[in-house]
Amino acid sequence: MGVNYRTAFVTLATVNFETVVQFYGQLLQQDPNPFLPQIYAEFQLSGLTLGIFCPKSDHQSEFGNSQGSGISLCLEVTDLEAAIAILHPLGARVSHTIIKADHGQEIYAYDPDGNRLILVEFNR
C-alpha cells in the first residue's frame, strides 16, 4: 500500500524570526495565521503555504548560515514591476536585471536572511 500525500508546504528556518516574519507579511500583504511569537508563523497563498519557524536553541547552528540557504522561493506575480516596487521599501536586496526567458520575465531578490526569492511574471 502506498502513501497518499495530501499537500506540501515550504518552511524557512530563521533565528531572525521577527524580522523575517515582518518582511514576508509586508511582501505578501497579509498577517500570518497561525502566529506563535518567536516560534511559528504561517502565510497562505493560492497553492502554497509558507511556514516560518525559529529553530530551538540546540538546533540553531544548523540554520544560522548568514550566507543564505540553498532554497529559492518562487512567487508568480501578475505585474513584475509592481512586485519590485514593493521589495525596495522592505529593504530586500534586489537584482537590478530583469531576466527575460522563454516562459516570461523574472528577477532575483533576497530576504533578510539571504534566502533567494524569484519573482516571475509568466507569458500567458
N, C-alpha and C. Protein backbone atom coordinates (compact mmCIF):
# COMPACT_ATOMS: atom_id res chain seq x y z
N MET A 1 0.85 -1.17 0.00
CA MET A 1 0.00 0.00 0.00
C MET A 1 0.90 1.24 0.00
N GLY A 2 0.61 2.19 -0.88
CA GLY A 2 1.41 3.40 -0.99
C GLY A 2 0.95 4.49 -0.04
N VAL A 3 1.76 5.47 0.07
CA VAL A 3 1.44 6.63 0.89
C VAL A 3 0.73 7.66 0.03
N ASN A 4 -0.35 8.21 0.52
CA ASN A 4 -1.07 9.27 -0.19
C ASN A 4 -0.68 10.61 0.41
N TYR A 5 0.11 11.37 -0.34
CA TYR A 5 0.49 12.70 0.11
C TYR A 5 -0.62 13.66 -0.24
N ARG A 6 -1.04 14.46 0.73
CA ARG A 6 -2.17 15.36 0.51
C ARG A 6 -1.75 16.75 0.12
N THR A 7 -0.66 17.23 0.68
CA THR A 7 -0.23 18.60 0.38
C THR A 7 1.23 18.74 0.75
N ALA A 8 1.84 19.80 0.29
CA ALA A 8 3.22 20.12 0.65
C ALA A 8 3.28 21.61 0.93
N PHE A 9 4.21 22.00 1.80
CA PHE A 9 4.40 23.42 2.03
C PHE A 9 5.86 23.69 2.29
N VAL A 10 6.24 24.92 2.16
CA VAL A 10 7.63 25.34 2.33
C VAL A 10 7.79 25.97 3.70
N THR A 11 8.88 25.62 4.38
CA THR A 11 9.18 26.30 5.65
C THR A 11 10.58 26.89 5.57
N LEU A 12 10.72 28.04 6.18
CA LEU A 12 12.01 28.70 6.30
C LEU A 12 12.36 28.75 7.78
N ALA A 13 13.56 28.32 8.11
CA ALA A 13 14.04 28.43 9.49
C ALA A 13 14.84 29.72 9.61
N THR A 14 14.64 30.43 10.71
CA THR A 14 15.39 31.67 10.91
C THR A 14 15.59 31.95 12.38
N VAL A 15 16.76 32.45 12.71
CA VAL A 15 16.99 32.94 14.06
C VAL A 15 16.60 34.42 14.15
N ASN A 16 16.31 35.04 13.01
CA ASN A 16 15.84 36.44 12.93
C ASN A 16 14.33 36.45 12.72
N PHE A 17 13.62 35.74 13.59
CA PHE A 17 12.20 35.45 13.40
C PHE A 17 11.36 36.70 13.14
N GLU A 18 11.39 37.67 14.03
CA GLU A 18 10.52 38.85 13.87
C GLU A 18 10.80 39.59 12.58
N THR A 19 12.08 39.76 12.23
CA THR A 19 12.45 40.48 11.01
C THR A 19 11.95 39.76 9.78
N VAL A 20 12.13 38.45 9.74
CA VAL A 20 11.72 37.67 8.56
C VAL A 20 10.20 37.59 8.46
N VAL A 21 9.51 37.40 9.58
CA VAL A 21 8.04 37.37 9.55
C VAL A 21 7.49 38.72 9.10
N GLN A 22 8.05 39.80 9.60
CA GLN A 22 7.60 41.14 9.18
C GLN A 22 7.84 41.33 7.69
N PHE A 23 9.01 40.91 7.20
CA PHE A 23 9.33 41.02 5.78
C PHE A 23 8.28 40.31 4.92
N TYR A 24 8.00 39.03 5.24
CA TYR A 24 7.05 38.28 4.43
C TYR A 24 5.62 38.78 4.61
N GLY A 25 5.27 39.26 5.79
CA GLY A 25 3.95 39.85 5.99
C GLY A 25 3.73 41.05 5.09
N GLN A 26 4.75 41.90 4.98
CA GLN A 26 4.65 43.08 4.12
C GLN A 26 4.71 42.70 2.65
N LEU A 27 5.60 41.77 2.31
CA LEU A 27 5.72 41.33 0.93
C LEU A 27 4.43 40.69 0.43
N LEU A 28 3.87 39.80 1.25
CA LEU A 28 2.67 39.06 0.84
C LEU A 28 1.38 39.79 1.18
N GLN A 29 1.50 40.92 1.87
CA GLN A 29 0.39 41.79 2.21
C GLN A 29 -0.69 41.05 3.00
N GLN A 30 -0.23 40.35 4.04
CA GLN A 30 -1.15 39.65 4.92
C GLN A 30 -0.48 39.40 6.27
N ASP A 31 -1.31 39.19 7.27
CA ASP A 31 -0.81 38.82 8.59
C ASP A 31 -0.68 37.31 8.65
N PRO A 32 0.31 36.82 9.36
CA PRO A 32 0.45 35.36 9.47
C PRO A 32 -0.69 34.78 10.30
N ASN A 33 -1.11 33.56 9.90
CA ASN A 33 -2.16 32.88 10.62
C ASN A 33 -2.01 31.38 10.34
N PRO A 34 -1.66 30.60 11.32
CA PRO A 34 -1.47 30.94 12.73
C PRO A 34 -0.16 31.69 12.96
N PHE A 35 -0.07 32.31 14.15
CA PHE A 35 1.12 33.05 14.55
C PHE A 35 1.40 32.78 16.02
N LEU A 36 2.57 32.23 16.28
CA LEU A 36 3.04 31.98 17.65
C LEU A 36 4.35 32.77 17.78
N PRO A 37 4.35 33.90 18.50
CA PRO A 37 5.53 34.76 18.58
C PRO A 37 6.81 33.98 18.91
N GLN A 38 7.85 34.28 18.15
CA GLN A 38 9.17 33.67 18.31
C GLN A 38 9.20 32.16 18.09
N ILE A 39 8.09 31.60 17.57
CA ILE A 39 8.04 30.15 17.35
C ILE A 39 7.67 29.82 15.90
N TYR A 40 6.50 30.30 15.44
CA TYR A 40 5.99 29.88 14.13
C TYR A 40 5.02 30.91 13.57
N ALA A 41 5.13 31.12 12.27
CA ALA A 41 4.19 31.98 11.55
C ALA A 41 3.89 31.31 10.21
N GLU A 42 2.66 31.46 9.75
CA GLU A 42 2.27 30.80 8.51
C GLU A 42 1.50 31.77 7.63
N PHE A 43 1.83 31.74 6.35
CA PHE A 43 1.16 32.57 5.35
C PHE A 43 0.52 31.66 4.31
N GLN A 44 -0.69 31.97 3.93
CA GLN A 44 -1.43 31.18 2.95
C GLN A 44 -1.49 31.91 1.62
N LEU A 45 -1.06 31.25 0.57
CA LEU A 45 -1.19 31.74 -0.79
C LEU A 45 -1.94 30.68 -1.58
N SER A 46 -2.48 31.06 -2.68
CA SER A 46 -3.16 30.09 -3.52
C SER A 46 -2.13 29.05 -3.97
N GLY A 47 -2.30 27.83 -3.52
CA GLY A 47 -1.41 26.75 -3.93
C GLY A 47 -0.15 26.60 -3.09
N LEU A 48 0.05 27.44 -2.05
CA LEU A 48 1.26 27.33 -1.25
C LEU A 48 1.01 27.80 0.17
N THR A 49 1.56 27.08 1.10
CA THR A 49 1.63 27.53 2.48
C THR A 49 3.09 27.78 2.78
N LEU A 50 3.39 28.96 3.29
CA LEU A 50 4.75 29.32 3.69
C LEU A 50 4.79 29.37 5.21
N GLY A 51 5.57 28.50 5.80
CA GLY A 51 5.75 28.49 7.25
C GLY A 51 7.13 29.04 7.60
N ILE A 52 7.20 29.84 8.63
CA ILE A 52 8.47 30.38 9.11
C ILE A 52 8.59 29.98 10.57
N PHE A 53 9.72 29.40 10.92
CA PHE A 53 9.88 28.97 12.31
C PHE A 53 11.25 29.36 12.83
N CYS A 54 11.31 29.51 14.13
CA CYS A 54 12.56 29.76 14.83
C CYS A 54 13.02 28.43 15.41
N PRO A 55 14.16 27.91 14.94
CA PRO A 55 14.61 26.63 15.47
C PRO A 55 14.95 26.71 16.95
N LYS A 56 14.76 25.62 17.65
CA LYS A 56 15.12 25.56 19.07
C LYS A 56 16.62 25.81 19.22
N SER A 57 17.00 26.33 20.36
CA SER A 57 18.38 26.77 20.57
C SER A 57 19.41 25.67 20.26
N ASP A 58 19.09 24.42 20.55
CA ASP A 58 20.06 23.35 20.28
C ASP A 58 20.14 22.96 18.80
N HIS A 59 19.32 23.59 17.95
CA HIS A 59 19.37 23.32 16.51
C HIS A 59 19.69 24.57 15.70
N GLN A 60 19.85 25.72 16.34
CA GLN A 60 20.05 26.97 15.60
C GLN A 60 21.30 26.96 14.74
N SER A 61 22.34 26.27 15.14
CA SER A 61 23.56 26.26 14.33
C SER A 61 23.34 25.61 12.96
N GLU A 62 22.34 24.75 12.86
CA GLU A 62 22.02 24.12 11.58
C GLU A 62 21.46 25.12 10.58
N PHE A 63 20.86 26.21 11.10
CA PHE A 63 20.16 27.16 10.24
C PHE A 63 20.79 28.55 10.26
N GLY A 64 21.89 28.74 10.95
CA GLY A 64 22.45 30.06 11.13
C GLY A 64 23.39 30.53 10.03
N ASN A 65 23.27 30.02 8.84
CA ASN A 65 24.14 30.39 7.74
C ASN A 65 23.82 31.80 7.26
N SER A 66 24.68 32.75 7.56
CA SER A 66 24.43 34.14 7.18
C SER A 66 24.56 34.36 5.68
N GLN A 67 25.05 33.36 4.96
CA GLN A 67 25.16 33.48 3.50
C GLN A 67 23.88 33.08 2.79
N GLY A 68 22.85 32.74 3.54
CA GLY A 68 21.60 32.29 2.93
C GLY A 68 21.59 30.79 2.79
N SER A 69 20.51 30.27 2.27
CA SER A 69 20.37 28.83 2.13
C SER A 69 20.31 28.47 0.66
N GLY A 70 20.15 27.19 0.40
CA GLY A 70 20.03 26.73 -0.97
C GLY A 70 18.62 26.83 -1.50
N ILE A 71 17.71 27.36 -0.71
CA ILE A 71 16.32 27.44 -1.14
C ILE A 71 16.09 28.66 -2.03
N SER A 72 15.25 28.49 -3.01
CA SER A 72 14.73 29.60 -3.79
C SER A 72 13.22 29.54 -3.70
N LEU A 73 12.62 30.57 -3.16
CA LEU A 73 11.18 30.65 -3.07
C LEU A 73 10.70 31.39 -4.31
N CYS A 74 9.99 30.68 -5.17
CA CYS A 74 9.50 31.29 -6.42
C CYS A 74 8.07 31.76 -6.22
N LEU A 75 7.83 33.02 -6.52
CA LEU A 75 6.50 33.61 -6.40
C LEU A 75 6.06 34.11 -7.76
N GLU A 76 4.94 33.59 -8.25
CA GLU A 76 4.39 34.08 -9.52
C GLU A 76 3.64 35.38 -9.25
N VAL A 77 3.91 36.38 -10.06
CA VAL A 77 3.24 37.68 -9.93
C VAL A 77 2.60 38.04 -11.26
N THR A 78 1.59 38.91 -11.19
CA THR A 78 0.94 39.36 -12.42
C THR A 78 1.59 40.61 -12.99
N ASP A 79 2.33 41.35 -12.15
CA ASP A 79 2.99 42.58 -12.57
C ASP A 79 4.36 42.65 -11.90
N LEU A 80 5.39 42.29 -12.65
CA LEU A 80 6.74 42.22 -12.08
C LEU A 80 7.21 43.58 -11.58
N GLU A 81 6.96 44.63 -12.33
CA GLU A 81 7.39 45.97 -11.91
C GLU A 81 6.75 46.37 -10.58
N ALA A 82 5.47 46.07 -10.40
CA ALA A 82 4.78 46.39 -9.14
C ALA A 82 5.38 45.59 -7.99
N ALA A 83 5.71 44.33 -8.24
CA ALA A 83 6.31 43.49 -7.20
C ALA A 83 7.68 44.02 -6.80
N ILE A 84 8.46 44.46 -7.77
CA ILE A 84 9.78 45.04 -7.49
C ILE A 84 9.62 46.29 -6.63
N ALA A 85 8.62 47.10 -6.94
CA ALA A 85 8.37 48.33 -6.19
C ALA A 85 8.04 48.03 -4.72
N ILE A 86 7.43 46.91 -4.44
CA ILE A 86 7.13 46.52 -3.06
C ILE A 86 8.40 46.08 -2.34
N LEU A 87 9.29 45.39 -3.04
CA LEU A 87 10.50 44.86 -2.41
C LEU A 87 11.46 45.94 -1.93
N HIS A 88 11.63 47.00 -2.72
CA HIS A 88 12.61 48.03 -2.38
C HIS A 88 12.37 48.66 -1.00
N PRO A 89 11.15 49.12 -0.67
CA PRO A 89 10.96 49.71 0.66
C PRO A 89 11.11 48.71 1.81
N LEU A 90 11.03 47.42 1.51
CA LEU A 90 11.20 46.40 2.55
C LEU A 90 12.67 46.15 2.86
N GLY A 91 13.54 46.76 2.09
CA GLY A 91 14.97 46.57 2.31
C GLY A 91 15.52 45.30 1.71
N ALA A 92 14.77 44.66 0.84
CA ALA A 92 15.25 43.44 0.19
C ALA A 92 16.37 43.79 -0.77
N ARG A 93 17.35 42.91 -0.85
CA ARG A 93 18.36 43.06 -1.90
C ARG A 93 17.72 42.57 -3.18
N VAL A 94 17.70 43.41 -4.18
CA VAL A 94 17.05 43.08 -5.44
C VAL A 94 18.06 43.18 -6.57
N SER A 95 18.10 42.15 -7.41
CA SER A 95 18.92 42.19 -8.61
C SER A 95 18.38 43.31 -9.49
N HIS A 96 19.26 44.05 -10.11
CA HIS A 96 18.80 45.16 -10.95
C HIS A 96 18.52 44.73 -12.38
N THR A 97 18.68 43.46 -12.65
CA THR A 97 18.49 42.96 -14.01
C THR A 97 17.25 42.08 -14.07
N ILE A 98 16.30 42.47 -14.90
CA ILE A 98 15.16 41.60 -15.18
C ILE A 98 15.61 40.59 -16.22
N ILE A 99 15.43 39.34 -15.88
CA ILE A 99 15.86 38.26 -16.76
C ILE A 99 14.72 37.91 -17.70
N LYS A 100 14.98 37.96 -18.98
CA LYS A 100 14.00 37.57 -20.00
C LYS A 100 14.23 36.10 -20.33
N ALA A 101 13.16 35.33 -20.29
CA ALA A 101 13.24 33.90 -20.57
C ALA A 101 12.07 33.52 -21.46
N ASP A 102 12.11 32.31 -22.00
CA ASP A 102 11.02 31.83 -22.85
C ASP A 102 9.69 31.84 -22.12
N HIS A 103 9.71 31.56 -20.83
CA HIS A 103 8.47 31.47 -20.05
C HIS A 103 7.95 32.83 -19.59
N GLY A 104 8.75 33.87 -19.69
CA GLY A 104 8.33 35.20 -19.25
C GLY A 104 9.53 36.00 -18.78
N GLN A 105 9.36 36.73 -17.69
CA GLN A 105 10.46 37.51 -17.14
C GLN A 105 10.49 37.31 -15.63
N GLU A 106 11.71 37.46 -15.06
CA GLU A 106 11.86 37.23 -13.63
C GLU A 106 12.98 38.09 -13.08
N ILE A 107 12.99 38.19 -11.78
CA ILE A 107 14.03 38.92 -11.08
C ILE A 107 14.35 38.18 -9.79
N TYR A 108 15.60 38.30 -9.35
CA TYR A 108 16.01 37.70 -8.09
C TYR A 108 16.05 38.77 -7.01
N ALA A 109 15.65 38.38 -5.82
CA ALA A 109 15.74 39.24 -4.65
C ALA A 109 16.12 38.34 -3.48
N TYR A 110 16.47 38.96 -2.35
CA TYR A 110 16.90 38.19 -1.19
C TYR A 110 16.24 38.74 0.06
N ASP A 111 15.69 37.84 0.88
CA ASP A 111 15.04 38.23 2.13
C ASP A 111 16.09 38.60 3.17
N PRO A 112 15.68 39.03 4.37
CA PRO A 112 16.66 39.45 5.39
C PRO A 112 17.67 38.37 5.79
N ASP A 113 17.34 37.10 5.61
CA ASP A 113 18.27 36.02 5.93
C ASP A 113 19.10 35.58 4.73
N GLY A 114 18.90 36.21 3.58
CA GLY A 114 19.66 35.85 2.38
C GLY A 114 19.05 34.74 1.56
N ASN A 115 17.82 34.31 1.88
CA ASN A 115 17.14 33.31 1.06
C ASN A 115 16.73 33.97 -0.25
N ARG A 116 16.95 33.27 -1.34
CA ARG A 116 16.64 33.83 -2.65
C ARG A 116 15.15 33.73 -2.96
N LEU A 117 14.62 34.84 -3.42
CA LEU A 117 13.26 34.90 -3.95
C LEU A 117 13.38 35.03 -5.46
N ILE A 118 12.58 34.32 -6.17
CA ILE A 118 12.49 34.51 -7.62
C ILE A 118 11.07 34.97 -7.90
N LEU A 119 10.92 36.21 -8.35
CA LEU A 119 9.61 36.72 -8.72
C LEU A 119 9.51 36.57 -10.23
N VAL A 120 8.47 35.87 -10.66
CA VAL A 120 8.34 35.56 -12.08
C VAL A 120 6.98 36.00 -12.58
N GLU A 121 6.99 36.64 -13.76
CA GLU A 121 5.77 37.01 -14.47
C GLU A 121 5.76 36.16 -15.75
N PHE A 122 4.85 35.19 -15.81
CA PHE A 122 4.79 34.28 -16.94
C PHE A 122 4.14 34.93 -18.15
N ASN A 123 4.58 34.51 -19.33
CA ASN A 123 3.86 34.87 -20.57
C ASN A 123 2.61 34.03 -20.62
N ARG A 124 1.47 34.64 -20.67
CA ARG A 124 0.22 33.85 -20.75
C ARG A 124 -0.67 34.43 -21.81
